[in-house]
Protein backbone atom coordinates (compact mmCIF):
# COMPACT_ATOMS: atom_id res chain seq x y z
CA MET A 1 19.14 -8.51 -2.36
CA PHE A 2 16.22 -10.89 -2.43
CA ALA A 3 16.68 -14.37 -3.74
CA VAL A 4 14.43 -15.63 -6.53
CA ALA A 5 15.43 -19.05 -7.63
CA ARG A 6 12.47 -20.09 -9.84
CA THR A 7 12.14 -19.94 -13.60
CA PRO A 8 9.34 -17.59 -14.59
CA ASP A 9 6.40 -19.14 -16.49
CA GLU A 10 6.01 -18.33 -20.25
CA PRO A 11 3.62 -15.45 -20.54
CA ARG A 12 0.28 -16.41 -22.08
CA ARG A 13 -2.65 -14.45 -23.36
CA TYR A 14 -6.01 -14.39 -21.45
CA GLY A 15 -9.36 -13.12 -22.68
CA HIS A 16 -12.49 -12.04 -20.80
CA TRP A 17 -14.84 -14.78 -19.57
CA ILE A 18 -18.38 -14.31 -21.05
CA ASP A 19 -21.09 -16.88 -21.60
CA ASN A 20 -18.90 -19.58 -20.09
CA GLU A 21 -16.13 -19.13 -22.64
CA GLU A 22 -13.00 -17.13 -23.03
CA VAL A 23 -13.41 -14.28 -25.50
CA ASP A 24 -10.87 -11.82 -26.91
CA GLY A 25 -11.00 -8.19 -26.06
CA THR A 26 -10.44 -5.23 -28.43
CA ALA A 27 -7.16 -4.40 -26.73
CA THR A 28 -4.63 -5.99 -24.37
CA PHE A 29 -2.17 -5.06 -21.54
CA THR A 30 0.56 -6.87 -19.69
CA THR A 31 0.88 -7.58 -16.03
CA PRO A 32 4.27 -8.31 -14.28
CA ASP A 33 5.46 -11.05 -12.08
CA PRO A 34 6.07 -9.28 -8.69
CA ALA A 35 8.97 -11.56 -7.92
CA THR A 36 11.03 -10.81 -11.06
CA GLY A 37 9.46 -7.79 -12.74
CA THR A 38 9.18 -9.67 -15.99
CA VAL A 39 5.91 -10.08 -18.05
CA LEU A 40 3.65 -12.58 -16.39
CA ALA A 41 0.63 -12.43 -18.74
CA HIS A 42 -1.17 -10.57 -21.45
CA LEU A 43 -4.75 -9.72 -20.52
CA ALA A 44 -7.70 -8.32 -22.39
CA ARG A 45 -8.15 -4.60 -21.64
CA GLY A 46 -11.90 -4.33 -21.19
CA ASN A 47 -13.78 -1.19 -22.45
CA LYS A 48 -17.43 -0.14 -22.59
CA SER A 49 -18.26 -2.51 -25.44
CA ASP A 50 -16.86 -5.52 -23.53
CA VAL A 51 -18.77 -4.53 -20.48
CA ASP A 52 -21.96 -4.06 -22.47
CA ARG A 53 -21.49 -7.67 -23.79
CA ALA A 54 -20.94 -9.09 -20.33
CA VAL A 55 -23.91 -7.25 -18.84
CA ALA A 56 -26.18 -8.37 -21.68
CA SER A 57 -25.12 -11.94 -21.15
CA ALA A 58 -25.89 -11.64 -17.36
CA LYS A 59 -29.18 -9.93 -18.04
CA LYS A 60 -30.25 -12.62 -20.30
CA ALA A 61 -29.36 -15.32 -17.88
CA PHE A 62 -31.03 -13.62 -14.84
CA PRO A 63 -34.70 -14.72 -15.34
CA ALA A 64 -33.87 -18.39 -15.51
CA TRP A 65 -31.22 -18.25 -12.77
CA SER A 66 -33.46 -16.27 -10.43
CA ARG A 67 -36.26 -18.78 -10.91
CA THR A 68 -33.94 -21.89 -10.55
CA ASP A 69 -34.94 -24.13 -7.71
CA PRO A 70 -33.01 -22.91 -4.64
CA ASN A 71 -32.01 -26.49 -4.02
CA GLU A 72 -30.38 -26.63 -7.42
CA ARG A 73 -28.51 -23.31 -6.78
CA ALA A 74 -27.31 -24.75 -3.48
CA ARG A 75 -26.10 -27.98 -5.18
CA LEU A 76 -24.16 -25.93 -7.79
CA LEU A 77 -22.54 -23.67 -5.20
CA TRP A 78 -21.50 -26.73 -3.10
CA LYS A 79 -20.17 -28.45 -6.24
CA ALA A 80 -18.22 -25.20 -6.94
CA GLY A 81 -16.62 -25.47 -3.46
CA GLU A 82 -15.55 -28.99 -4.11
CA ALA A 83 -14.19 -28.13 -7.63
CA ILE A 84 -12.11 -25.29 -5.99
CA LEU A 85 -10.54 -27.67 -3.52
CA ALA A 86 -9.75 -30.18 -6.31
CA ASP A 87 -7.87 -27.36 -8.05
CA LEU A 88 -6.06 -26.15 -4.90
CA ASP A 89 -2.51 -26.40 -6.13
CA ALA A 90 -3.06 -24.66 -9.39
CA LEU A 91 -5.22 -21.87 -7.86
CA ALA A 92 -2.68 -21.40 -5.11
CA ARG A 93 0.18 -21.13 -7.60
CA ALA A 94 -1.76 -18.62 -9.72
CA GLU A 95 -2.54 -16.49 -6.60
CA ALA A 96 1.07 -16.63 -5.33
CA ILE A 97 2.63 -15.71 -8.58
CA ASP A 98 0.26 -13.05 -9.57
CA VAL A 99 -0.03 -11.19 -6.23
CA GLY A 100 3.33 -12.16 -4.69
CA LYS A 101 1.94 -13.71 -1.61
CA PRO A 102 3.69 -16.71 -0.06
CA ILE A 103 2.55 -19.96 -1.60
CA SER A 104 2.09 -21.52 1.87
CA ASN A 105 -0.53 -18.83 2.69
CA ALA A 106 -2.28 -19.32 -0.58
CA ARG A 107 -2.52 -23.08 -0.08
CA THR A 108 -3.65 -22.98 3.52
CA ILE A 109 -5.76 -19.85 3.69
CA ASP A 110 -6.79 -18.23 0.32
CA VAL A 111 -7.97 -21.33 -1.55
CA PRO A 112 -9.55 -23.29 1.33
CA ARG A 113 -11.37 -20.15 2.56
CA THR A 114 -12.64 -19.53 -0.97
CA ALA A 115 -14.14 -23.05 -1.07
CA ASP A 116 -15.55 -22.56 2.43
CA THR A 117 -17.29 -19.38 1.20
CA PHE A 118 -19.12 -21.33 -1.52
CA PHE A 119 -19.95 -24.10 0.89
CA TYR A 120 -21.35 -21.67 3.44
CA PHE A 121 -23.53 -19.69 0.98
CA SER A 122 -24.87 -22.84 -0.67
CA GLY A 123 -26.72 -23.37 2.56
CA TRP A 124 -28.31 -19.90 2.34
CA ALA A 125 -29.81 -20.55 -1.05
CA THR A 126 -32.58 -22.58 0.49
CA LYS A 127 -33.18 -20.30 3.56
CA ILE A 128 -33.95 -16.91 2.10
CA HIS A 129 -37.50 -16.13 3.18
CA GLY A 130 -39.83 -13.27 3.99
CA GLU A 131 -42.12 -12.56 6.93
CA THR A 132 -45.90 -12.48 7.62
CA ILE A 133 -46.85 -9.10 9.30
CA PRO A 134 -50.04 -8.56 11.39
CA VAL A 135 -51.85 -5.41 10.16
CA ARG A 136 -55.25 -3.82 10.74
CA GLY A 137 -58.24 -5.23 8.90
CA PRO A 138 -59.03 -8.55 7.19
CA LEU A 139 -55.73 -8.60 5.26
CA LEU A 140 -52.83 -10.97 4.78
CA THR A 141 -49.58 -8.99 4.50
CA TYR A 142 -46.30 -10.70 3.82
CA THR A 143 -42.83 -9.89 2.41
CA LEU A 144 -40.66 -11.61 -0.08
CA ARG A 145 -36.82 -11.36 -0.44
CA GLU A 146 -36.03 -11.12 -4.11
CA PRO A 147 -32.70 -10.86 -5.94
CA LEU A 148 -31.64 -7.48 -7.25
CA GLY A 149 -30.87 -8.56 -10.88
CA VAL A 150 -27.48 -8.08 -12.49
CA VAL A 151 -24.88 -7.01 -9.96
CA ALA A 152 -21.17 -6.07 -10.34
CA ALA A 153 -18.18 -6.83 -8.21
CA ILE A 154 -14.94 -4.78 -8.41
CA VAL A 155 -12.18 -6.72 -6.61
CA PRO A 156 -8.82 -5.58 -5.23
CA TRP A 157 -5.42 -7.20 -5.83
CA ASN A 158 -4.38 -8.26 -2.35
CA PHE A 159 -6.77 -11.21 -2.00
CA PRO A 160 -8.49 -11.42 -5.44
CA LEU A 161 -9.65 -15.02 -5.27
CA LEU A 162 -11.12 -14.90 -1.81
CA LEU A 163 -12.63 -11.47 -2.02
CA ALA A 164 -14.22 -12.33 -5.31
CA ALA A 165 -15.78 -15.39 -3.70
CA ARG A 166 -17.21 -13.21 -0.90
CA LYS A 167 -19.15 -11.30 -3.54
CA ILE A 168 -19.91 -14.09 -6.06
CA ALA A 169 -21.19 -16.70 -3.68
CA PRO A 170 -23.84 -14.69 -1.88
CA ALA A 171 -24.99 -12.93 -5.06
CA LEU A 172 -25.53 -16.28 -6.79
CA ALA A 173 -27.18 -17.94 -3.72
CA ALA A 174 -29.65 -15.05 -3.64
CA GLY A 175 -30.55 -15.56 -7.35
CA ASN A 176 -28.58 -12.64 -8.94
CA THR A 177 -26.31 -12.85 -11.89
CA ILE A 178 -22.90 -11.14 -11.72
CA VAL A 179 -20.26 -9.40 -13.68
CA VAL A 180 -16.76 -9.26 -11.97
CA LYS A 181 -14.04 -6.79 -12.73
CA PRO A 182 -10.76 -8.20 -11.41
CA PRO A 183 -7.79 -6.15 -10.40
CA GLU A 184 -5.58 -5.22 -13.32
CA GLU A 185 -2.61 -6.15 -11.25
CA ALA A 186 -3.83 -9.76 -10.44
CA SER A 187 -6.53 -11.25 -12.55
CA LEU A 188 -5.46 -14.84 -13.14
CA SER A 189 -6.97 -16.60 -10.18
CA ILE A 190 -10.41 -15.01 -10.81
CA LEU A 191 -10.33 -16.02 -14.44
CA ARG A 192 -9.40 -19.56 -13.36
CA LEU A 193 -12.27 -19.48 -10.75
CA ALA A 194 -14.80 -18.48 -13.46
CA ARG A 195 -13.68 -21.42 -15.60
CA ILE A 196 -13.94 -23.83 -12.69
CA LEU A 197 -17.53 -22.60 -11.85
CA GLY A 198 -18.51 -23.02 -15.53
CA GLU A 199 -17.08 -26.54 -15.60
CA ALA A 200 -18.98 -27.29 -12.34
CA GLY A 201 -22.32 -26.53 -14.11
CA LEU A 202 -22.95 -22.90 -13.60
CA PRO A 203 -25.15 -21.78 -16.59
CA PRO A 204 -23.71 -19.46 -19.25
CA GLY A 205 -24.07 -15.73 -18.34
CA VAL A 206 -24.57 -16.33 -14.61
CA LEU A 207 -20.95 -15.25 -13.92
CA ASN A 208 -19.00 -13.07 -16.39
CA VAL A 209 -15.53 -11.64 -15.98
CA VAL A 210 -14.23 -8.50 -17.68
CA THR A 211 -10.51 -7.75 -17.12
CA GLY A 212 -9.00 -4.30 -17.46
CA PHE A 213 -8.55 -0.99 -15.75
CA GLY A 214 -10.85 0.82 -13.35
CA GLU A 215 -11.08 3.95 -15.56
CA ASP A 216 -12.29 1.76 -18.42
CA ALA A 217 -14.04 -1.43 -17.44
CA GLY A 218 -14.75 -0.46 -13.85
CA ASP A 219 -16.21 2.91 -14.78
CA ALA A 220 -18.39 1.32 -17.43
CA LEU A 221 -19.85 -1.07 -14.94
CA VAL A 222 -20.48 1.63 -12.33
CA LYS A 223 -22.39 3.72 -14.93
CA HIS A 224 -24.24 0.94 -16.71
CA PRO A 225 -28.03 1.31 -16.33
CA ASP A 226 -28.63 -2.46 -16.16
CA ILE A 227 -26.35 -2.96 -13.16
CA ALA A 228 -28.52 -2.97 -9.96
CA LYS A 229 -25.65 -2.96 -7.41
CA ILE A 230 -21.92 -2.39 -7.15
CA SER A 231 -19.93 -4.26 -4.45
CA PHE A 232 -16.45 -2.66 -4.26
CA THR A 233 -13.41 -3.50 -2.11
CA GLY A 234 -10.52 -1.14 -2.51
CA GLY A 235 -9.21 2.40 -1.70
CA THR A 236 -11.27 5.02 -0.06
CA ASP A 237 -10.74 7.63 -2.77
CA THR A 238 -11.80 5.23 -5.47
CA GLY A 239 -14.79 4.21 -3.42
CA LYS A 240 -15.94 7.78 -3.20
CA LEU A 241 -15.64 8.17 -6.89
CA ILE A 242 -17.72 5.05 -7.44
CA VAL A 243 -20.44 6.29 -5.09
CA ARG A 244 -20.68 9.56 -7.02
CA ASN A 245 -20.87 7.82 -10.33
CA ALA A 246 -23.37 5.25 -9.21
CA ALA A 247 -25.75 7.82 -7.94
CA ALA A 248 -26.85 8.75 -11.42
CA THR A 249 -28.60 5.42 -11.78
CA LEU A 250 -29.41 5.02 -8.02
CA LYS A 251 -27.56 1.76 -7.76
CA LYS A 252 -27.29 0.00 -4.45
CA VAL A 253 -23.63 0.24 -3.37
CA THR A 254 -21.59 -1.50 -0.72
CA MET A 255 -18.01 -0.39 0.10
CA GLU A 256 -15.21 -2.21 1.98
CA LEU A 257 -12.51 0.42 1.91
CA GLY A 258 -9.20 1.22 3.59
CA GLY A 259 -8.08 0.78 7.18
CA LYS A 260 -5.48 1.89 9.71
CA SER A 261 -6.18 -0.64 12.35
CA PRO A 262 -5.02 -0.27 16.00
CA ASN A 263 -3.68 -3.36 17.73
CA VAL A 264 -3.68 -2.51 21.48
CA ILE A 265 -1.54 -4.41 24.01
CA PHE A 266 -2.10 -3.82 27.71
CA ALA A 267 0.55 -4.55 30.32
CA ASP A 268 -1.63 -7.38 31.74
CA ALA A 269 -1.77 -9.25 28.44
CA ASP A 270 0.05 -12.50 27.63
CA LEU A 271 2.96 -10.43 26.22
CA GLY A 272 4.51 -13.39 24.39
CA ALA A 273 1.39 -14.25 22.53
CA ALA A 274 0.45 -10.60 21.87
CA SER A 275 3.97 -9.74 20.45
CA LYS A 276 4.01 -12.87 18.22
CA ALA A 277 0.46 -11.97 16.94
CA ALA A 278 1.50 -8.33 16.44
CA VAL A 279 4.12 -9.42 13.95
CA SER A 280 1.74 -11.55 11.99
CA ALA A 281 -0.95 -8.75 12.21
CA ALA A 282 1.41 -6.25 10.73
CA PHE A 283 3.25 -8.39 8.02
CA TYR A 284 0.85 -11.03 6.92
CA ASN A 285 0.39 -10.83 3.21
CA GLN A 286 3.23 -8.29 3.09
CA GLY A 287 1.05 -5.91 5.06
CA GLU A 288 -1.16 -5.71 1.95
CA LEU A 289 -4.24 -6.25 4.01
CA CYS A 290 -7.06 -3.70 4.90
CA THR A 291 -7.12 -5.02 8.47
CA SER A 292 -3.35 -5.00 8.89
CA GLY A 293 -2.39 -4.21 12.48
CA SER A 294 -0.31 -1.28 11.16
CA ARG A 295 -0.61 0.73 14.42
CA LEU A 296 0.70 -1.13 17.42
CA LEU A 297 -0.39 0.57 20.61
CA VAL A 298 1.50 -0.64 23.73
CA GLU A 299 1.02 0.31 27.38
CA ARG A 300 4.03 2.41 28.29
CA ARG A 301 5.31 0.29 31.22
CA VAL A 302 5.77 -2.78 28.92
CA HIS A 303 6.50 -0.86 25.73
CA ASP A 304 10.29 -1.70 25.57
CA GLU A 305 9.72 -5.37 26.29
CA VAL A 306 7.07 -5.70 23.61
CA LEU A 307 9.08 -3.65 21.10
CA ASP A 308 12.06 -5.85 21.62
CA SER A 309 9.93 -8.99 20.98
CA VAL A 310 8.37 -7.50 17.95
CA VAL A 311 11.64 -6.44 16.44
CA ALA A 312 13.12 -9.88 17.06
CA GLY A 313 10.09 -11.53 15.40
CA THR A 314 10.30 -9.15 12.44
CA ARG A 315 13.92 -9.90 11.81
CA ALA A 316 13.19 -13.64 11.91
CA LEU A 317 10.73 -13.34 8.97
CA VAL A 318 12.06 -14.66 5.62
CA THR A 319 11.52 -12.24 2.65
CA GLY A 320 11.81 -13.95 -0.70
CA ASP A 321 10.30 -15.74 -3.64
CA SER A 322 6.51 -16.30 -3.24
CA LEU A 323 6.85 -19.93 -4.47
CA ASP A 324 9.45 -20.79 -1.86
CA PRO A 325 7.58 -22.54 1.04
CA ARG A 326 10.02 -21.02 3.51
CA THR A 327 8.98 -17.48 2.60
CA ASN A 328 6.94 -15.42 5.09
CA VAL A 329 6.91 -12.13 3.19
CA GLY A 330 6.82 -12.08 -0.59
CA PRO A 331 7.20 -9.22 -3.04
CA LEU A 332 4.77 -6.31 -3.20
CA VAL A 333 2.33 -6.45 -6.11
CA SER A 334 3.85 -3.82 -8.39
CA ALA A 335 6.67 -1.29 -8.89
CA ALA A 336 4.32 1.57 -8.30
CA HIS A 337 3.20 0.13 -5.00
CA LEU A 338 6.75 -0.56 -3.89
CA GLU A 339 7.59 3.09 -4.59
CA ARG A 340 4.54 4.14 -2.53
CA VAL A 341 5.58 2.08 0.47
CA ALA A 342 9.26 3.14 0.33
CA GLY A 343 7.97 6.80 0.16
CA TYR A 344 6.16 6.31 3.45
CA VAL A 345 9.19 4.92 5.09
CA GLU A 346 11.13 7.98 4.08
CA LYS A 347 8.33 10.16 5.27
CA GLY A 348 8.25 8.47 8.66
CA GLN A 349 11.92 9.12 9.10
CA ALA A 350 11.55 12.72 8.04
CA GLU A 351 8.81 13.29 10.55
CA GLY A 352 11.06 12.03 13.37
CA ALA A 353 10.02 8.43 13.88
CA GLU A 354 12.81 5.95 14.63
CA ARG A 355 13.20 3.11 12.06
CA ILE A 356 14.48 0.23 14.24
CA ALA A 357 14.06 -2.71 11.89
CA GLY A 358 13.91 -3.27 8.10
CA GLY A 359 13.35 -0.62 5.49
CA GLY A 360 15.44 -2.12 2.75
CA HIS A 361 13.91 -2.65 -0.70
CA GLY A 362 14.95 -3.65 -4.12
CA GLY A 363 15.02 -6.26 -6.92
CA PRO A 364 14.97 -8.24 -9.02
CA GLY A 365 11.27 -7.88 -8.20
CA PHE A 366 9.24 -5.53 -5.97
CA PHE A 367 10.57 -6.51 -2.53
CA HIS A 368 10.36 -4.48 0.69
CA GLU A 369 11.71 -5.63 4.06
CA PRO A 370 9.25 -5.70 7.04
CA THR A 371 9.80 -2.36 8.75
CA VAL A 372 9.23 -1.26 12.38
CA PHE A 373 9.04 2.30 13.56
CA ALA A 374 9.09 3.34 17.16
CA GLY A 375 8.59 6.85 18.66
CA VAL A 376 5.55 7.34 16.50
CA ARG A 377 3.03 10.08 17.26
CA SER A 378 -0.64 10.07 16.18
CA GLU A 379 -0.20 13.16 13.91
CA MET A 380 2.48 11.50 11.78
CA ALA A 381 1.51 10.34 8.31
CA ILE A 382 2.65 6.80 9.04
CA ALA A 383 0.15 6.69 11.96
CA ARG A 384 -2.80 8.21 10.01
CA GLU A 385 -2.63 7.09 6.46
CA GLU A 386 -2.89 3.62 5.02
CA ILE A 387 0.42 2.41 3.75
CA PHE A 388 -0.81 -1.04 2.69
CA GLY A 389 2.64 -2.57 3.04
CA PRO A 390 5.02 -4.21 5.55
CA VAL A 391 5.35 -1.19 7.89
CA VAL A 392 4.21 -1.03 11.50
CA SER A 393 4.14 2.05 13.73
CA VAL A 394 4.56 1.57 17.48
CA LEU A 395 2.87 4.09 19.80
CA ALA A 396 2.91 4.19 23.61
CA PHE A 397 -0.14 4.90 25.88
CA GLU A 398 -0.71 5.27 29.56
CA ASP A 399 -4.21 3.97 30.25
CA LEU A 400 -7.44 2.85 28.62
CA GLU A 401 -8.62 6.36 28.02
CA GLU A 402 -5.53 7.31 26.04
CA ALA A 403 -5.56 3.98 24.20
CA ALA A 404 -9.11 4.62 23.06
CA ALA A 405 -8.26 8.19 22.03
CA ILE A 406 -5.22 7.06 19.94
CA ALA A 407 -7.10 4.07 18.46
CA ASP A 408 -9.77 6.44 17.02
CA ALA A 409 -7.34 9.16 15.87
CA THR A 410 -7.71 8.27 12.26
CA ASP A 411 -10.35 8.67 9.54
CA TYR A 412 -10.67 4.79 9.27
CA GLY A 413 -12.73 2.33 11.19
CA LEU A 414 -12.31 -1.11 9.76
CA ALA A 415 -10.86 -3.32 12.52
CA ALA A 416 -8.95 -3.31 15.82
CA GLY A 417 -7.29 -5.76 18.27
CA VAL A 418 -7.23 -5.69 22.08
CA TRP A 419 -4.88 -7.74 24.22
CA THR A 420 -5.51 -8.05 27.94
CA ARG A 421 -6.37 -10.68 30.67
CA ASP A 422 -8.93 -8.22 32.14
CA ILE A 423 -12.20 -9.17 30.26
CA GLY A 424 -13.96 -6.06 31.59
CA LYS A 425 -11.27 -3.87 30.14
CA ALA A 426 -11.34 -5.80 26.86
CA HIS A 427 -15.08 -5.27 26.43
CA ALA A 428 -14.87 -1.66 27.53
CA LEU A 429 -12.35 -0.78 24.85
CA ALA A 430 -13.98 -2.97 22.23
CA HIS A 431 -17.20 -0.97 22.73
CA ARG A 432 -15.31 2.34 22.63
CA ILE A 433 -13.32 1.83 19.40
CA GLN A 434 -15.05 2.86 16.21
CA ALA A 435 -14.54 -0.20 14.04
CA GLY A 436 -16.52 -2.83 12.15
CA THR A 437 -14.62 -5.70 13.80
CA VAL A 438 -12.75 -5.99 17.08
CA TRP A 439 -10.65 -8.98 17.99
CA ILE A 440 -9.89 -9.71 21.64
CA ASN A 441 -6.73 -11.77 22.39
CA THR A 442 -6.50 -12.79 18.69
CA TYR A 443 -6.17 -10.98 15.40
CA ASN A 444 -7.26 -11.36 11.73
CA ARG A 445 -9.81 -14.07 12.32
CA PHE A 446 -12.39 -14.42 9.57
CA ASP A 447 -15.26 -16.82 8.73
CA ALA A 448 -17.83 -16.87 5.99
CA ALA A 449 -20.46 -16.91 8.67
CA ALA A 450 -19.27 -13.73 10.47
CA PRO A 451 -20.32 -10.27 9.10
CA TYR A 452 -17.37 -8.06 7.99
CA GLY A 453 -17.09 -4.41 6.96
CA GLY A 454 -16.19 -0.99 8.16
CA THR A 455 -17.34 2.38 9.54
CA LYS A 456 -16.17 6.02 8.94
CA GLN A 457 -13.85 6.15 5.86
CA SER A 458 -13.62 2.33 5.88
CA GLY A 459 -16.99 2.13 4.05
CA TYR A 460 -20.44 0.64 4.69
CA GLY A 461 -22.33 -2.49 4.10
CA ARG A 462 -21.29 -5.92 5.09
CA GLU A 463 -19.91 -9.08 3.59
CA ASN A 464 -20.24 -12.62 4.93
CA GLY A 465 -23.00 -14.15 6.98
CA PHE A 466 -26.66 -13.40 6.49
CA ALA A 467 -25.73 -9.74 6.27
CA ALA A 468 -24.36 -10.44 2.77
CA ILE A 469 -27.65 -12.06 1.78
CA GLU A 470 -29.42 -8.89 2.88
CA GLU A 471 -27.07 -6.83 0.65
CA TYR A 472 -27.95 -8.90 -2.42
CA THR A 473 -31.70 -9.01 -1.98
CA GLN A 474 -34.62 -6.50 -1.81
CA ARG A 475 -37.91 -6.74 0.10
CA LYS A 476 -41.30 -6.80 -1.59
CA THR A 477 -44.43 -6.31 0.48
CA ILE A 478 -47.65 -8.11 -0.70
CA TRP A 479 -51.19 -7.29 0.59
CA VAL A 480 -54.11 -9.73 0.17
CA ALA A 481 -57.74 -8.76 0.94
CA LEU A 482 -59.37 -11.62 2.83
CA GLY A 483 -62.93 -10.35 2.66
């Protein structure tokens, strides 16, 4: 059904990355190529002893790294960004093959934005400072911002390289050391990134990577007494489990969790631009995106016109091999995830929604066609639950009040889009929607300088911008008697 012309790479064995070198684990597991279903790589399956070794390395490196001249930390992070760009083609290929995302996206978005993240946070390394506070009496009172210590990052499989960078770069800029647990489905780009940073001059132990499964390596990190903070991006249920387990050691925790983002199109919008963006919002990265515009809300009097445009745009997308530059939609990351997405399509039809485009799925790999449902109601599972695949639900509304009600009719609050030429209406709805990010007349815009995170069941804490530095530092207050 879906053409895959390339020859799969020969599987190779990868170890953990500890003390700036690759080390074998006590056990291994295999990860598949999403485009073919064949074995892509053999990876070390991390356990508690592997995590203990990585954390001990990071703990040993912390005193020297935290005391390193901020200008030197800035220089190393900038150098890391340059090294990432120098390795663009290889990193993009690793990300495309491992995740299934189109190579064109990996080359133009994932890798350059990863480098940008290191460039941006290199600047913060020299700008982290405290405050002087006026208090009663002959006293000098001031604050310091200090690193937390050894922190841990647990990264999802949809954007492993970029999302790892969002955690690594601010953590290192602030003077922390870090242990990263990549997703078991897609670890290759993070392992390559760790090697690149080591070759760029990052001292041993400052960044360690332990591959494996959440129930083994991830759980050991969350429960480890020497880990000061967990930064997790992933599913809401897993996030809740991490919070419960981290509570035993009172770790600081930040969570970027699921989403069911509304993308709202009013009748007075530029309907051509909005419809085109709606297709991209729903199907970029195969819909494997927390902020995917998976709920398309359209004002009823232009509903049919917009729906026709969205269906035409969906049918024009090319689904195929992730390494083919013509591909818009690659395979899903795994057989299990394909089964999950296909199950939601079946559920949508069973609940009475009308499937008007796509829905096909099959091999040789884990492919699913971009799918459009119309006649969707807010109580349907496909309108409430995160599918995390190439499926969009179209819902009609009458006015701003109904749009706001539908937009907030889920447990999630990660992102939203608003399309209208009426700036007052745009701001009114943006203020009403419960979401960490709202885009107006655009969608899925990100920058290392702009804070990003969710509300409600989409988590708490922020990545990017100075907000990320706040998440990786703690305040100390110092009092000095002057007389």
